[in-house]
């Protein structure tokens, strides 16, 4: 992910709300899709967490 984009997102929503570490965002990148057909997430993903669960 481009550093400028990540920095801009952190400025807008706050650093605590932007995830770039794949290990921390894995729960946001999966759903109930069966494992054999579930696509692997791209390596250049950023997650902006919602304010409310």
C-alpha atoms as a PDB file:
ATOM      1  CA  UNK A   1       0.000   0.000   0.000  1.00  0.00           C
ATOM      2  CA  UNK A   2       1.286   3.430  -0.817  1.00  0.00           C
ATOM      3  CA  UNK A   3       2.654   5.135   2.273  1.00  0.00           C
ATOM      4  CA  UNK A   4       1.091   8.478   1.323  1.00  0.00           C
ATOM      5  CA  UNK A   5      -2.378   6.949   1.166  1.00  0.00           C
ATOM      6  CA  UNK A   6      -1.944   5.224   4.537  1.00  0.00           C
ATOM      7  CA  UNK A   7      -0.645   8.434   6.102  1.00  0.00           C
ATOM      8  CA  UNK A   8      -3.629  10.371   4.727  1.00  0.00           C
ATOM      9  CA  UNK A   9      -6.079   7.805   6.079  1.00  0.00           C
ATOM     10  CA  UNK A  10      -4.437   7.970   9.512  1.00  0.00           C
ATOM     11  CA  UNK A  11      -4.685  11.773   9.471  1.00  0.00           C
ATOM     12  CA  UNK A  12      -8.380  11.594   8.586  1.00  0.00           C
ATOM     13  CA  UNK A  13      -9.613   8.864  10.955  1.00  0.00           C
ATOM     14  CA  UNK A  14      -6.768   8.523  13.456  1.00  0.00           C
ATOM     15  CA  UNK A  15      -3.907   6.042  13.652  1.00  0.00           C
ATOM     16  CA  UNK A  16      -5.799   3.577  15.882  1.00  0.00           C
ATOM     17  CA  UNK A  17      -8.433   3.060  13.177  1.00  0.00           C
ATOM     18  CA  UNK A  18      -6.103   2.128  10.297  1.00  0.00           C
ATOM     19  CA  UNK A  19      -4.581  -1.365  10.100  1.00  0.00           C
ATOM     20  CA  UNK A  20      -1.744  -2.297   7.769  1.00  0.00           C
ATOM     21  CA  UNK A  21      -0.363  -5.361   9.586  1.00  0.00           C
ATOM     22  CA  UNK A  22      -1.805  -8.474   7.923  1.00  0.00           C
ATOM     23  CA  UNK A  23      -1.812 -10.406  11.218  1.00  0.00           C
ATOM     24  CA  UNK A  24      -3.980  -7.717  12.855  1.00  0.00           C
ATOM     25  CA  UNK A  25      -6.455  -7.454  10.005  1.00  0.00           C
ATOM     26  CA  UNK A  26      -7.040 -11.143   9.224  1.00  0.00           C
ATOM     27  CA  UNK A  27     -10.404 -11.165  11.010  1.00  0.00           C
ATOM     28  CA  UNK A  28     -11.564  -8.334   8.736  1.00  0.00           C
ATOM     29  CA  UNK A  29     -10.499 -10.192   5.581  1.00  0.00           C
ATOM     30  CA  UNK A  30     -12.373 -13.465   6.018  1.00  0.00           C
ATOM     31  CA  UNK A  31     -16.001 -14.497   6.090  1.00  0.00           C
ATOM     32  CA  UNK A  32     -17.973 -17.729   6.135  1.00  0.00           C
ATOM     33  CA  UNK A  33     -16.981 -18.693   2.596  1.00  0.00           C
ATOM     34  CA  UNK A  34     -15.810 -22.317   2.457  1.00  0.00           C
ATOM     35  CA  UNK A  35     -12.009 -22.611   2.682  1.00  0.00           C
ATOM     36  CA  UNK A  36     -11.558 -24.366  -0.694  1.00  0.00           C
ATOM     37  CA  UNK A  37     -13.119 -21.422  -2.565  1.00  0.00           C
ATOM     38  CA  UNK A  38     -12.150 -18.518  -0.281  1.00  0.00           C
ATOM     39  CA  UNK A  39      -9.714 -16.199  -2.064  1.00  0.00           C
ATOM     40  CA  UNK A  40      -6.528 -15.177  -0.295  1.00  0.00           C
ATOM     41  CA  UNK A  41      -6.401 -11.453   0.497  1.00  0.00           C
ATOM     42  CA  UNK A  42      -3.937  -9.300  -1.394  1.00  0.00           C
ATOM     43  CA  UNK A  43      -0.738  -8.331   0.399  1.00  0.00           C
ATOM     44  CA  UNK A  44      -1.216  -4.590  -0.158  1.00  0.00           C
ATOM     45  CA  UNK A  45      -4.432  -4.174   1.818  1.00  0.00           C
ATOM     46  CA  UNK A  46      -5.322  -1.562   4.378  1.00  0.00           C
ATOM     47  CA  UNK A  47      -8.306  -1.820   6.741  1.00  0.00           C
ATOM     48  CA  UNK A  48     -10.057   1.257   8.087  1.00  0.00           C
ATOM     49  CA  UNK A  49     -11.990   0.047  11.115  1.00  0.00           C
ATOM     50  CA  UNK A  50     -15.564   1.212  11.701  1.00  0.00           C
ATOM     51  CA  UNK A  51     -16.273   3.545  14.596  1.00  0.00           C
ATOM     52  CA  UNK A  52     -19.099   1.277  15.759  1.00  0.00           C
ATOM     53  CA  UNK A  53     -19.012  -2.531  15.801  1.00  0.00           C
END
